[in-house]
């Protein structure tokens, strides 16, 4: 991770091992929480198959095996921190979901203990 707005020293100090000359990658875990009324006919808030498709479209398609800073427009103007990644996923999910008001929370796990949660605030 490297921000052009910062000096090399500031990037190293701010991002530590994530600021590596050859880049730095993660295998994130993303949790999406829905909130809404259960449909009396289907017994579901949303079909999980549809949610999986939405997540693939919103998350995997734009970001899988990509250099976020170079390949994803959103990160060309902001740091590819887990916080910003979580906001990006929230925004992407809102655009692909048939009923975006069902989206309640997005959680991104960078590690087992480093988790960012976003509810659209």
PDB file of N, CA and C in Angstrom:
ATOM      1  N   UNK A   1       0.846  -1.152   0.000  1.00  0.00           N
ATOM      2  CA  UNK A   1       0.000   0.000   0.000  1.00  0.00           C
ATOM      3  C   UNK A   1       0.902   1.229   0.000  1.00  0.00           C
ATOM      4  N   UNK A   2       0.590   2.141  -0.873  1.00  0.00           N
ATOM      5  CA  UNK A   2       1.375   3.367  -0.964  1.00  0.00           C
ATOM      6  C   UNK A   2       0.468   4.485  -1.440  1.00  0.00           C
ATOM      7  N   UNK A   3       0.452   5.560  -0.677  1.00  0.00           N
ATOM      8  CA  UNK A   3      -0.336   6.734  -1.039  1.00  0.00           C
ATOM      9  C   UNK A   3       0.577   7.780  -1.648  1.00  0.00           C
ATOM     10  N   UNK A   4       0.252   8.280  -2.848  1.00  0.00           N
ATOM     11  CA  UNK A   4       1.089   9.296  -3.481  1.00  0.00           C
ATOM     12  C   UNK A   4       1.113  10.616  -2.712  1.00  0.00           C
ATOM     13  N   UNK A   5       0.131  10.827  -1.842  1.00  0.00           N
ATOM     14  CA  UNK A   5       0.078  12.057  -1.047  1.00  0.00           C
ATOM     15  C   UNK A   5       1.099  12.063   0.087  1.00  0.00           C
ATOM     16  N   UNK A   6       1.678  10.893   0.375  1.00  0.00           N
ATOM     17  CA  UNK A   6       2.642  10.770   1.465  1.00  0.00           C
ATOM     18  C   UNK A   6       4.041  10.547   0.904  1.00  0.00           C
ATOM     19  N   UNK A   7       5.035  10.944   1.680  1.00  0.00           N
ATOM     20  CA  UNK A   7       6.419  10.666   1.297  1.00  0.00           C
ATOM     21  C   UNK A   7       6.690   9.179   1.502  1.00  0.00           C
ATOM     22  N   UNK A   8       7.817   8.700   0.964  1.00  0.00           N
ATOM     23  CA  UNK A   8       8.181   7.296   1.162  1.00  0.00           C
ATOM     24  C   UNK A   8       8.284   6.964   2.643  1.00  0.00           C
ATOM     25  N   UNK A   9       8.876   7.878   3.403  1.00  0.00           N
ATOM     26  CA  UNK A   9       9.020   7.666   4.849  1.00  0.00           C
ATOM     27  C   UNK A   9       7.654   7.634   5.538  1.00  0.00           C
ATOM     28  N   UNK A  10       6.757   8.557   5.174  1.00  0.00           N
ATOM     29  CA  UNK A  10       5.421   8.588   5.775  1.00  0.00           C
ATOM     30  C   UNK A  10       4.636   7.320   5.423  1.00  0.00           C
ATOM     31  N   UNK A  11       4.759   6.855   4.182  1.00  0.00           N
ATOM     32  CA  UNK A  11       4.093   5.612   3.784  1.00  0.00           C
ATOM     33  C   UNK A  11       4.587   4.446   4.620  1.00  0.00           C
ATOM     34  N   UNK A  12       5.911   4.345   4.783  1.00  0.00           N
ATOM     35  CA  UNK A  12       6.492   3.247   5.562  1.00  0.00           C
ATOM     36  C   UNK A  12       6.039   3.319   7.016  1.00  0.00           C
ATOM     37  N   UNK A  13       6.037   4.525   7.577  1.00  0.00           N
ATOM     38  CA  UNK A  13       5.638   4.714   8.975  1.00  0.00           C
ATOM     39  C   UNK A  13       4.148   4.421   9.164  1.00  0.00           C
ATOM     40  N   UNK A  14       3.326   4.853   8.226  1.00  0.00           N
ATOM     41  CA  UNK A  14       1.879   4.694   8.341  1.00  0.00           C
ATOM     42  C   UNK A  14       1.420   3.267   8.091  1.00  0.00           C
ATOM     43  N   UNK A  15       1.947   2.627   7.045  1.00  0.00           N
ATOM     44  CA  UNK A  15       1.430   1.334   6.615  1.00  0.00           C
ATOM     45  C   UNK A  15       2.311   0.142   6.960  1.00  0.00           C
ATOM     46  N   UNK A  16       3.507   0.391   7.501  1.00  0.00           N
ATOM     47  CA  UNK A  16       4.380  -0.695   7.951  1.00  0.00           C
ATOM     48  C   UNK A  16       4.623  -1.742   6.881  1.00  0.00           C
ATOM     49  N   UNK A  17       4.438  -3.025   7.236  1.00  0.00           N
ATOM     50  CA  UNK A  17       4.722  -4.110   6.297  1.00  0.00           C
ATOM     51  C   UNK A  17       3.779  -4.112   5.094  1.00  0.00           C
ATOM     52  N   UNK A  18       2.659  -3.411   5.200  1.00  0.00           N
ATOM     53  CA  UNK A  18       1.747  -3.311   4.052  1.00  0.00           C
ATOM     54  C   UNK A  18       2.320  -2.402   2.967  1.00  0.00           C
ATOM     55  N   UNK A  19       3.315  -1.590   3.317  1.00  0.00           N
ATOM     56  CA  UNK A  19       3.988  -0.718   2.349  1.00  0.00           C
ATOM     57  C   UNK A  19       5.254  -1.416   1.874  1.00  0.00           C
ATOM     58  N   UNK A  20       5.082  -2.302   0.911  1.00  0.00           N
ATOM     59  CA  UNK A  20       6.207  -3.065   0.376  1.00  0.00           C
ATOM     60  C   UNK A  20       6.360  -2.737  -1.097  1.00  0.00           C
ATOM     61  N   UNK A  21       7.589  -2.639  -1.553  1.00  0.00           N
ATOM     62  CA  UNK A  21       7.871  -2.256  -2.938  1.00  0.00           C
ATOM     63  C   UNK A  21       7.177  -3.163  -3.954  1.00  0.00           C
ATOM     64  N   UNK A  22       7.007  -4.438  -3.631  1.00  0.00           N
ATOM     65  CA  UNK A  22       6.365  -5.390  -4.543  1.00  0.00           C
ATOM     66  C   UNK A  22       4.885  -5.596  -4.259  1.00  0.00           C
ATOM     67  N   UNK A  23       4.333  -4.761  -3.406  1.00  0.00           N
ATOM     68  CA  UNK A  23       2.920  -4.885  -3.067  1.00  0.00           C
ATOM     69  C   UNK A  23       2.709  -5.760  -1.847  1.00  0.00           C
ATOM     70  N   UNK A  24       1.459  -5.880  -1.454  1.00  0.00           N
ATOM     71  CA  UNK A  24       1.111  -6.621  -0.251  1.00  0.00           C
ATOM     72  C   UNK A  24      -0.312  -7.133  -0.444  1.00  0.00           C
ATOM     73  N   UNK A  25      -0.551  -8.389  -0.180  1.00  0.00           N
ATOM     74  CA  UNK A  25      -1.872  -8.944  -0.425  1.00  0.00           C
ATOM     75  C   UNK A  25      -2.510  -9.563   0.799  1.00  0.00           C
ATOM     76  N   UNK A  26      -3.806  -9.759   0.696  1.00  0.00           N
ATOM     77  CA  UNK A  26      -4.581 -10.395   1.761  1.00  0.00           C
ATOM     78  C   UNK A  26      -5.602 -11.327   1.140  1.00  0.00           C
ATOM     79  N   UNK A  27      -6.016 -12.292   1.911  1.00  0.00           N
ATOM     80  CA  UNK A  27      -7.184 -13.109   1.602  1.00  0.00           C
ATOM     81  C   UNK A  27      -8.216 -12.762   2.662  1.00  0.00           C
ATOM     82  N   UNK A  28      -9.066 -11.812   2.337  1.00  0.00           N
ATOM     83  CA  UNK A  28     -10.056 -11.319   3.282  1.00  0.00           C
ATOM     84  C   UNK A  28     -11.225 -12.291   3.404  1.00  0.00           C
ATOM     85  N   UNK A  29     -11.895 -12.215   4.537  1.00  0.00           N
ATOM     86  CA  UNK A  29     -13.190 -12.865   4.714  1.00  0.00           C
ATOM     87  C   UNK A  29     -14.209 -11.743   4.805  1.00  0.00           C
ATOM     88  N   UNK A  30     -15.281 -11.859   4.041  1.00  0.00           N
ATOM     89  CA  UNK A  30     -16.322 -10.831   4.036  1.00  0.00           C
ATOM     90  C   UNK A  30     -17.618 -11.453   4.525  1.00  0.00           C
ATOM     91  N   UNK A  31     -18.242 -10.785   5.490  1.00  0.00           N
ATOM     92  CA  UNK A  31     -19.557 -11.202   5.977  1.00  0.00           C
ATOM     93  C   UNK A  31     -20.552 -10.105   5.637  1.00  0.00           C
ATOM     94  N   UNK A  32     -21.673 -10.512   5.070  1.00  0.00           N
ATOM     95  CA  UNK A  32     -22.749  -9.587   4.735  1.00  0.00           C
ATOM     96  C   UNK A  32     -23.961  -9.977   5.567  1.00  0.00           C
ATOM     97  N   UNK A  33     -24.523  -9.000   6.280  1.00  0.00           N
ATOM     98  CA  UNK A  33     -25.704  -9.237   7.103  1.00  0.00           C
ATOM     99  C   UNK A  33     -26.890  -8.518   6.483  1.00  0.00           C
ATOM    100  N   UNK A  34     -28.002  -9.238   6.397  1.00  0.00           N
ATOM    101  CA  UNK A  34     -29.243  -8.672   5.885  1.00  0.00           C
ATOM    102  C   UNK A  34     -30.211  -8.474   7.036  1.00  0.00           C
ATOM    103  N   UNK A  35     -31.129  -7.525   6.865  1.00  0.00           N
ATOM    104  CA  UNK A  35     -32.164  -7.291   7.865  1.00  0.00           C
ATOM    105  C   UNK A  35     -33.447  -6.944   7.126  1.00  0.00           C
ATOM    106  N   UNK A  36     -34.495  -7.649   7.438  1.00  0.00           N
ATOM    107  CA  UNK A  36     -35.781  -7.370   6.803  1.00  0.00           C
ATOM    108  C   UNK A  36     -36.809  -8.387   7.247  1.00  0.00           C
ATOM    109  N   UNK A  37     -37.990  -8.252   6.685  1.00  0.00           N
ATOM    110  CA  UNK A  37     -39.073  -9.163   7.030  1.00  0.00           C
ATOM    111  C   UNK A  37     -38.919 -10.480   6.282  1.00  0.00           C
ATOM    112  N   UNK A  38     -39.242 -11.536   6.973  1.00  0.00           N
ATOM    113  CA  UNK A  38     -39.213 -12.858   6.356  1.00  0.00           C
ATOM    114  C   UNK A  38     -40.456 -13.009   5.488  1.00  0.00           C
ATOM    115  N   UNK A  39     -40.248 -13.345   4.235  1.00  0.00           N
ATOM    116  CA  UNK A  39     -41.349 -13.550   3.304  1.00  0.00           C
ATOM    117  C   UNK A  39     -42.150 -14.778   3.747  1.00  0.00           C
ATOM    118  N   UNK A  40     -43.455 -14.608   3.914  1.00  0.00           N
ATOM    119  CA  UNK A  40     -44.305 -15.702   4.403  1.00  0.00           C
ATOM    120  C   UNK A  40     -44.323 -16.888   3.437  1.00  0.00           C
ATOM    121  N   UNK A  41     -44.219 -16.621   2.156  1.00  0.00           N
ATOM    122  CA  UNK A  41     -44.281 -17.682   1.148  1.00  0.00           C
ATOM    123  C   UNK A  41     -42.978 -18.477   1.071  1.00  0.00           C
ATOM    124  N   UNK A  42     -41.836 -17.780   1.067  1.00  0.00           N
ATOM    125  CA  UNK A  42     -40.541 -18.457   0.889  1.00  0.00           C
ATOM    126  C   UNK A  42     -39.853 -18.797   2.202  1.00  0.00           C
ATOM    127  N   UNK A  43     -40.201 -18.070   3.264  1.00  0.00           N
ATOM    128  CA  UNK A  43     -39.533 -18.267   4.545  1.00  0.00           C
ATOM    129  C   UNK A  43     -38.151 -17.634   4.597  1.00  0.00           C
ATOM    130  N   UNK A  44     -37.867 -16.756   3.621  1.00  0.00           N
ATOM    131  CA  UNK A  44     -36.543 -16.129   3.537  1.00  0.00           C
ATOM    132  C   UNK A  44     -36.659 -14.608   3.474  1.00  0.00           C
ATOM    133  N   UNK A  45     -35.608 -13.952   3.938  1.00  0.00           N
ATOM    134  CA  UNK A  45     -35.459 -12.515   3.704  1.00  0.00           C
ATOM    135  C   UNK A  45     -34.977 -12.318   2.269  1.00  0.00           C
ATOM    136  N   UNK A  46     -34.013 -13.176   1.886  1.00  0.00           N
ATOM    137  CA  UNK A  46     -33.455 -13.163   0.539  1.00  0.00           C
ATOM    138  C   UNK A  46     -32.919 -14.559   0.260  1.00  0.00           C
ATOM    139  N   UNK A  47     -33.045 -15.007  -0.941  1.00  0.00           N
ATOM    140  CA  UNK A  47     -32.504 -16.299  -1.326  1.00  0.00           C
ATOM    141  C   UNK A  47     -30.978 -16.229  -1.247  1.00  0.00           C
ATOM    142  N   UNK A  48     -30.369 -17.162  -0.513  1.00  0.00           N
ATOM    143  CA  UNK A  48     -28.911 -17.136  -0.326  1.00  0.00           C
ATOM    144  C   UNK A  48     -28.156 -17.336  -1.640  1.00  0.00           C
ATOM    145  N   UNK A  49     -28.757 -18.037  -2.587  1.00  0.00           N
ATOM    146  CA  UNK A  49     -28.135 -18.179  -3.910  1.00  0.00           C
ATOM    147  C   UNK A  49     -28.009 -16.814  -4.573  1.00  0.00           C
ATOM    148  N   UNK A  50     -29.048 -15.991  -4.443  1.00  0.00           N
ATOM    149  CA  UNK A  50     -29.000 -14.636  -5.001  1.00  0.00           C
ATOM    150  C   UNK A  50     -27.963 -13.788  -4.273  1.00  0.00           C
ATOM    151  N   UNK A  51     -27.885 -13.941  -2.950  1.00  0.00           N
ATOM    152  CA  UNK A  51     -26.894 -13.185  -2.184  1.00  0.00           C
ATOM    153  C   UNK A  51     -25.483 -13.568  -2.624  1.00  0.00           C
ATOM    154  N   UNK A  52     -25.233 -14.852  -2.803  1.00  0.00           N
ATOM    155  CA  UNK A  52     -23.908 -15.298  -3.266  1.00  0.00           C
ATOM    156  C   UNK A  52     -23.569 -14.710  -4.628  1.00  0.00           C
ATOM    157  N   UNK A  53     -24.542 -14.674  -5.529  1.00  0.00           N
ATOM    158  CA  UNK A  53     -24.330 -14.072  -6.850  1.00  0.00           C
ATOM    159  C   UNK A  53     -24.024 -12.584  -6.715  1.00  0.00           C
ATOM    160  N   UNK A  54     -24.776 -11.902  -5.851  1.00  0.00           N
ATOM    161  CA  UNK A  54     -24.537 -10.476  -5.618  1.00  0.00           C
ATOM    162  C   UNK A  54     -23.147 -10.232  -5.067  1.00  0.00           C
ATOM    163  N   UNK A  55     -22.727 -11.079  -4.133  1.00  0.00           N
ATOM    164  CA  UNK A  55     -21.397 -10.920  -3.544  1.00  0.00           C
ATOM    165  C   UNK A  55     -20.303 -11.173  -4.576  1.00  0.00           C
ATOM    166  N   UNK A  56     -20.504 -12.160  -5.433  1.00  0.00           N
ATOM    167  CA  UNK A  56     -19.514 -12.420  -6.488  1.00  0.00           C
ATOM    168  C   UNK A  56     -19.400 -11.223  -7.422  1.00  0.00           C
ATOM    169  N   UNK A  57     -20.536 -10.644  -7.777  1.00  0.00           N
ATOM    170  CA  UNK A  57     -20.550  -9.486  -8.677  1.00  0.00           C
ATOM    171  C   UNK A  57     -19.935  -8.255  -8.012  1.00  0.00           C
ATOM    172  N   UNK A  58     -20.256  -8.036  -6.740  1.00  0.00           N
ATOM    173  CA  UNK A  58     -19.817  -6.829  -6.032  1.00  0.00           C
ATOM    174  C   UNK A  58     -18.397  -6.916  -5.498  1.00  0.00           C
ATOM    175  N   UNK A  59     -17.936  -8.120  -5.190  1.00  0.00           N
ATOM    176  CA  UNK A  59     -16.646  -8.277  -4.514  1.00  0.00           C
ATOM    177  C   UNK A  59     -15.614  -8.952  -5.412  1.00  0.00           C
ATOM    178  N   UNK A  60     -15.919 -10.153  -5.847  1.00  0.00           N
ATOM    179  CA  UNK A  60     -14.930 -10.931  -6.601  1.00  0.00           C
ATOM    180  C   UNK A  60     -14.632 -10.321  -7.967  1.00  0.00           C
ATOM    181  N   UNK A  61     -15.668  -9.948  -8.681  1.00  0.00           N
ATOM    182  CA  UNK A  61     -15.467  -9.433 -10.038  1.00  0.00           C
ATOM    183  C   UNK A  61     -14.542  -8.210 -10.072  1.00  0.00           C
ATOM    184  N   UNK A  62     -14.769  -7.202  -9.230  1.00  0.00           N
ATOM    185  CA  UNK A  62     -13.880  -6.036  -9.328  1.00  0.00           C
ATOM    186  C   UNK A  62     -12.542  -6.178  -8.606  1.00  0.00           C
ATOM    187  N   UNK A  63     -12.407  -7.146  -7.658  1.00  0.00           N
ATOM    188  CA  UNK A  63     -11.215  -7.135  -6.816  1.00  0.00           C
ATOM    189  C   UNK A  63     -10.374  -8.401  -6.802  1.00  0.00           C
ATOM    190  N   UNK A  64     -10.909  -9.538  -7.201  1.00  0.00           N
ATOM    191  CA  UNK A  64     -10.162 -10.788  -7.090  1.00  0.00           C
ATOM    192  C   UNK A  64      -8.901 -10.762  -7.949  1.00  0.00           C
ATOM    193  N   UNK A  65      -7.764 -11.071  -7.327  1.00  0.00           N
ATOM    194  CA  UNK A  65      -6.451 -11.090  -7.983  1.00  0.00           C
ATOM    195  C   UNK A  65      -6.109  -9.751  -8.636  1.00  0.00           C
ATOM    196  N   UNK A  66      -6.463  -8.664  -7.967  1.00  0.00           N
ATOM    197  CA  UNK A  66      -6.186  -7.327  -8.483  1.00  0.00           C
ATOM    198  C   UNK A  66      -5.263  -6.580  -7.528  1.00  0.00           C
ATOM    199  N   UNK A  67      -4.533  -5.649  -8.087  1.00  0.00           N
ATOM    200  CA  UNK A  67      -3.805  -4.670  -7.293  1.00  0.00           C
ATOM    201  C   UNK A  67      -4.808  -3.551  -7.044  1.00  0.00           C
ATOM    202  N   UNK A  68      -5.355  -3.496  -5.850  1.00  0.00           N
ATOM    203  CA  UNK A  68      -6.432  -2.547  -5.571  1.00  0.00           C
ATOM    204  C   UNK A  68      -6.036  -1.113  -5.899  1.00  0.00           C
ATOM    205  N   UNK A  69      -4.826  -0.732  -5.518  1.00  0.00           N
ATOM    206  CA  UNK A  69      -4.381   0.645  -5.745  1.00  0.00           C
ATOM    207  C   UNK A  69      -4.299   0.990  -7.228  1.00  0.00           C
ATOM    208  N   UNK A  70      -3.924   0.060  -8.054  1.00  0.00           N
ATOM    209  CA  UNK A  70      -3.718   0.327  -9.481  1.00  0.00           C
ATOM    210  C   UNK A  70      -4.916  -0.054 -10.350  1.00  0.00           C
ATOM    211  N   UNK A  71      -5.660  -1.090  -9.945  1.00  0.00           N
ATOM    212  CA  UNK A  71      -6.677  -1.658 -10.831  1.00  0.00           C
ATOM    213  C   UNK A  71      -8.117  -1.288 -10.495  1.00  0.00           C
ATOM    214  N   UNK A  72      -8.363  -0.772  -9.306  1.00  0.00           N
ATOM    215  CA  UNK A  72      -9.736  -0.454  -8.888  1.00  0.00           C
ATOM    216  C   UNK A  72      -9.854   1.062  -8.734  1.00  0.00           C
ATOM    217  N   UNK A  73     -10.709   1.652  -9.547  1.00  0.00           N
ATOM    218  CA  UNK A  73     -10.843   3.116  -9.613  1.00  0.00           C
ATOM    219  C   UNK A  73     -11.053   3.749  -8.236  1.00  0.00           C
ATOM    220  N   UNK A  74     -11.876   3.146  -7.405  1.00  0.00           N
ATOM    221  CA  UNK A  74     -12.190   3.668  -6.072  1.00  0.00           C
ATOM    222  C   UNK A  74     -10.931   3.931  -5.252  1.00  0.00           C
ATOM    223  N   UNK A  75      -9.927   3.063  -5.409  1.00  0.00           N
ATOM    224  CA  UNK A  75      -8.717   3.161  -4.592  1.00  0.00           C
ATOM    225  C   UNK A  75      -7.628   4.015  -5.225  1.00  0.00           C
ATOM    226  N   UNK A  76      -7.888   4.584  -6.361  1.00  0.00           N
ATOM    227  CA  UNK A  76      -6.919   5.499  -6.969  1.00  0.00           C
ATOM    228  C   UNK A  76      -6.917   6.843  -6.252  1.00  0.00           C
ATOM    229  N   UNK A  77      -7.986   7.123  -5.481  1.00  0.00           N
ATOM    230  CA  UNK A  77      -8.096   8.394  -4.761  1.00  0.00           C
ATOM    231  C   UNK A  77      -8.168   8.227  -3.248  1.00  0.00           C
ATOM    232  N   UNK A  78      -8.027   7.003  -2.765  1.00  0.00           N
ATOM    233  CA  UNK A  78      -8.059   6.765  -1.311  1.00  0.00           C
ATOM    234  C   UNK A  78      -7.229   5.529  -0.993  1.00  0.00           C
ATOM    235  N   UNK A  79      -6.769   5.459   0.222  1.00  0.00           N
ATOM    236  CA  UNK A  79      -5.932   4.333   0.660  1.00  0.00           C
ATOM    237  C   UNK A  79      -6.741   3.041   0.660  1.00  0.00           C
ATOM    238  N   UNK A  80      -6.107   1.949   0.267  1.00  0.00           N
ATOM    239  CA  UNK A  80      -6.789   0.649   0.231  1.00  0.00           C
ATOM    240  C   UNK A  80      -6.733  -0.033   1.599  1.00  0.00           C
ATOM    241  N   UNK A  81      -7.139   0.712   2.612  1.00  0.00           N
ATOM    242  CA  UNK A  81      -7.207   0.175   3.968  1.00  0.00           C
ATOM    243  C   UNK A  81      -8.417  -0.744   4.087  1.00  0.00           C
ATOM    244  N   UNK A  82      -8.440  -1.533   5.125  1.00  0.00           N
ATOM    245  CA  UNK A  82      -9.592  -2.405   5.343  1.00  0.00           C
ATOM    246  C   UNK A  82     -10.848  -1.571   5.561  1.00  0.00           C
ATOM    247  N   UNK A  83     -10.699  -0.408   6.183  1.00  0.00           N
ATOM    248  CA  UNK A  83     -11.842   0.481   6.393  1.00  0.00           C
ATOM    249  C   UNK A  83     -12.445   0.908   5.049  1.00  0.00           C
ATOM    250  N   UNK A  84     -11.586   1.390   4.145  1.00  0.00           N
ATOM    251  CA  UNK A  84     -12.079   1.819   2.835  1.00  0.00           C
ATOM    252  C   UNK A  84     -12.568   0.643   1.999  1.00  0.00           C
ATOM    253  N   UNK A  85     -11.952  -0.508   2.156  1.00  0.00           N
ATOM    254  CA  UNK A  85     -12.396  -1.709   1.458  1.00  0.00           C
ATOM    255  C   UNK A  85     -13.818  -2.072   1.882  1.00  0.00           C
ATOM    256  N   UNK A  86     -14.103  -1.942   3.163  1.00  0.00           N
ATOM    257  CA  UNK A  86     -15.430  -2.253   3.690  1.00  0.00           C
ATOM    258  C   UNK A  86     -16.475  -1.301   3.122  1.00  0.00           C
ATOM    259  N   UNK A  87     -16.150  -0.018   3.060  1.00  0.00           N
ATOM    260  CA  UNK A  87     -17.063   0.972   2.467  1.00  0.00           C
ATOM    261  C   UNK A  87     -17.284   0.661   0.986  1.00  0.00           C
ATOM    262  N   UNK A  88     -16.208   0.325   0.279  1.00  0.00           N
ATOM    263  CA  UNK A  88     -16.315  -0.017  -1.141  1.00  0.00           C
ATOM    264  C   UNK A  88     -17.267  -1.197  -1.344  1.00  0.00           C
ATOM    265  N   UNK A  89     -17.107  -2.233  -0.544  1.00  0.00           N
ATOM    266  CA  UNK A  89     -17.968  -3.413  -0.673  1.00  0.00           C
ATOM    267  C   UNK A  89     -19.417  -3.051  -0.375  1.00  0.00           C
ATOM    268  N   UNK A  90     -19.639  -2.244   0.653  1.00  0.00           N
ATOM    269  CA  UNK A  90     -21.001  -1.776   0.971  1.00  0.00           C
ATOM    270  C   UNK A  90     -21.614  -1.093  -0.250  1.00  0.00           C
ATOM    271  N   UNK A  91     -20.881  -0.152  -0.831  1.00  0.00           N
ATOM    272  CA  UNK A  91     -21.387   0.591  -1.992  1.00  0.00           C
ATOM    273  C   UNK A  91     -21.658  -0.336  -3.172  1.00  0.00           C
ATOM    274  N   UNK A  92     -20.751  -1.275  -3.401  1.00  0.00           N
ATOM    275  CA  UNK A  92     -20.918  -2.229  -4.496  1.00  0.00           C
ATOM    276  C   UNK A  92     -22.158  -3.103  -4.276  1.00  0.00           C
ATOM    277  N   UNK A  93     -22.336  -3.586  -3.054  1.00  0.00           N
ATOM    278  CA  UNK A  93     -23.495  -4.427  -2.747  1.00  0.00           C
ATOM    279  C   UNK A  93     -24.791  -3.655  -2.968  1.00  0.00           C
ATOM    280  N   UNK A  94     -24.820  -2.405  -2.565  1.00  0.00           N
ATOM    281  CA  UNK A  94     -26.018  -1.578  -2.745  1.00  0.00           C
ATOM    282  C   UNK A  94     -26.389  -1.456  -4.219  1.00  0.00           C
ATOM    283  N   UNK A  95     -25.383  -1.442  -5.101  1.00  0.00           N
ATOM    284  CA  UNK A  95     -25.674  -1.273  -6.530  1.00  0.00           C
ATOM    285  C   UNK A  95     -26.125  -2.571  -7.200  1.00  0.00           C
ATOM    286  N   UNK A  96     -25.732  -3.723  -6.685  1.00  0.00           N
ATOM    287  CA  UNK A  96     -26.081  -4.984  -7.354  1.00  0.00           C
ATOM    288  C   UNK A  96     -27.305  -5.685  -6.764  1.00  0.00           C
ATOM    289  N   UNK A  97     -27.689  -5.326  -5.558  1.00  0.00           N
ATOM    290  CA  UNK A  97     -28.823  -5.996  -4.923  1.00  0.00           C
ATOM    291  C   UNK A  97     -30.150  -5.504  -5.487  1.00  0.00           C
ATOM    292  N   UNK A  98     -31.069  -6.439  -5.718  1.00  0.00           N
ATOM    293  CA  UNK A  98     -32.407  -6.081  -6.187  1.00  0.00           C
ATOM    294  C   UNK A  98     -33.143  -5.257  -5.131  1.00  0.00           C
ATOM    295  N   UNK A  99     -32.927  -5.604  -3.858  1.00  0.00           N
ATOM    296  CA  UNK A  99     -33.532  -4.874  -2.734  1.00  0.00           C
ATOM    297  C   UNK A  99     -32.409  -4.393  -1.819  1.00  0.00           C
ATOM    298  N   UNK A 100     -31.749  -3.292  -2.179  1.00  0.00           N
ATOM    299  CA  UNK A 100     -30.584  -2.834  -1.416  1.00  0.00           C
ATOM    300  C   UNK A 100     -30.888  -2.435   0.021  1.00  0.00           C
ATOM    301  N   UNK A 101     -32.163  -2.145   0.320  1.00  0.00           N
ATOM    302  CA  UNK A 101     -32.507  -1.773   1.696  1.00  0.00           C
ATOM    303  C   UNK A 101     -32.367  -2.942   2.670  1.00  0.00           C
ATOM    304  N   UNK A 102     -32.236  -4.157   2.152  1.00  0.00           N
ATOM    305  CA  UNK A 102     -32.028  -5.320   3.019  1.00  0.00           C
ATOM    306  C   UNK A 102     -30.611  -5.377   3.580  1.00  0.00           C
ATOM    307  N   UNK A 103     -29.679  -4.670   2.939  1.00  0.00           N
ATOM    308  CA  UNK A 103     -28.291  -4.687   3.405  1.00  0.00           C
ATOM    309  C   UNK A 103     -28.200  -3.975   4.745  1.00  0.00           C
ATOM    310  N   UNK A 104     -27.718  -4.690   5.753  1.00  0.00           N
ATOM    311  CA  UNK A 104     -27.641  -4.146   7.109  1.00  0.00           C
ATOM    312  C   UNK A 104     -26.206  -3.856   7.531  1.00  0.00           C
ATOM    313  N   UNK A 105     -25.283  -4.773   7.202  1.00  0.00           N
ATOM    314  CA  UNK A 105     -23.904  -4.613   7.670  1.00  0.00           C
ATOM    315  C   UNK A 105     -22.952  -5.394   6.770  1.00  0.00           C
ATOM    316  N   UNK A 106     -21.769  -4.820   6.588  1.00  0.00           N
ATOM    317  CA  UNK A 106     -20.673  -5.512   5.913  1.00  0.00           C
ATOM    318  C   UNK A 106     -19.512  -5.570   6.892  1.00  0.00           C
ATOM    319  N   UNK A 107     -18.951  -6.764   7.075  1.00  0.00           N
ATOM    320  CA  UNK A 107     -17.765  -6.944   7.910  1.00  0.00           C
ATOM    321  C   UNK A 107     -16.656  -7.517   7.040  1.00  0.00           C
ATOM    322  N   UNK A 108     -15.463  -6.937   7.178  1.00  0.00           N
ATOM    323  CA  UNK A 108     -14.308  -7.449   6.458  1.00  0.00           C
ATOM    324  C   UNK A 108     -13.264  -7.854   7.483  1.00  0.00           C
ATOM    325  N   UNK A 109     -12.860  -9.115   7.405  1.00  0.00           N
ATOM    326  CA  UNK A 109     -11.846  -9.672   8.290  1.00  0.00           C
ATOM    327  C   UNK A 109     -10.525  -9.675   7.540  1.00  0.00           C
ATOM    328  N   UNK A 110      -9.605  -8.822   7.984  1.00  0.00           N
ATOM    329  CA  UNK A 110      -8.252  -8.844   7.422  1.00  0.00           C
ATOM    330  C   UNK A 110      -7.485 -10.024   8.009  1.00  0.00           C
ATOM    331  N   UNK A 111      -7.697 -10.222   9.299  1.00  0.00           N
ATOM    332  CA  UNK A 111      -7.186 -11.385  10.021  1.00  0.00           C
ATOM    333  C   UNK A 111      -8.293 -11.816  10.975  1.00  0.00           C
ATOM    334  N   UNK A 112      -8.044 -12.851  11.727  1.00  0.00           N
ATOM    335  CA  UNK A 112      -9.022 -13.324  12.703  1.00  0.00           C
ATOM    336  C   UNK A 112      -9.378 -12.238  13.717  1.00  0.00           C
ATOM    337  N   UNK A 113      -8.417 -11.377  14.032  1.00  0.00           N
ATOM    338  CA  UNK A 113      -8.619 -10.352  15.056  1.00  0.00           C
ATOM    339  C   UNK A 113      -8.764  -8.939  14.515  1.00  0.00           C
ATOM    340  N   UNK A 114      -8.467  -8.715  13.246  1.00  0.00           N
ATOM    341  CA  UNK A 114      -8.570  -7.380  12.648  1.00  0.00           C
ATOM    342  C   UNK A 114      -9.795  -7.337  11.748  1.00  0.00           C
ATOM    343  N   UNK A 115     -10.854  -6.717  12.277  1.00  0.00           N
ATOM    344  CA  UNK A 115     -12.158  -6.738  11.617  1.00  0.00           C
ATOM    345  C   UNK A 115     -12.695  -5.317  11.532  1.00  0.00           C
ATOM    346  N   UNK A 116     -13.248  -4.979  10.375  1.00  0.00           N
ATOM    347  CA  UNK A 116     -13.903  -3.687  10.203  1.00  0.00           C
ATOM    348  C   UNK A 116     -15.360  -3.949   9.859  1.00  0.00           C
ATOM    349  N   UNK A 117     -16.247  -3.206  10.524  1.00  0.00           N
ATOM    350  CA  UNK A 117     -17.680  -3.326  10.307  1.00  0.00           C
ATOM    351  C   UNK A 117     -18.215  -1.991   9.803  1.00  0.00           C
ATOM    352  N   UNK A 118     -19.138  -2.044   8.841  1.00  0.00           N
ATOM    353  CA  UNK A 118     -19.726  -0.812   8.290  1.00  0.00           C
ATOM    354  C   UNK A 118     -21.208  -1.038   8.050  1.00  0.00           C
ATOM    355  N   UNK A 119     -22.015  -0.055   8.487  1.00  0.00           N
ATOM    356  CA  UNK A 119     -23.469  -0.128   8.336  1.00  0.00           C
ATOM    357  C   UNK A 119     -24.014   1.030   7.504  1.00  0.00           C
ATOM    358  N   UNK A 120     -23.161   1.622   6.699  1.00  0.00           N
ATOM    359  CA  UNK A 120     -23.624   2.677   5.808  1.00  0.00           C
ATOM    360  C   UNK A 120     -23.677   4.064   6.406  1.00  0.00           C
ATOM    361  N   UNK A 121     -23.144   4.226   7.606  1.00  0.00           N
ATOM    362  CA  UNK A 121     -23.172   5.543   8.239  1.00  0.00           C
ATOM    363  C   UNK A 121     -22.106   6.434   7.647  1.00  0.00           C
TER     364      UNK A 121
END
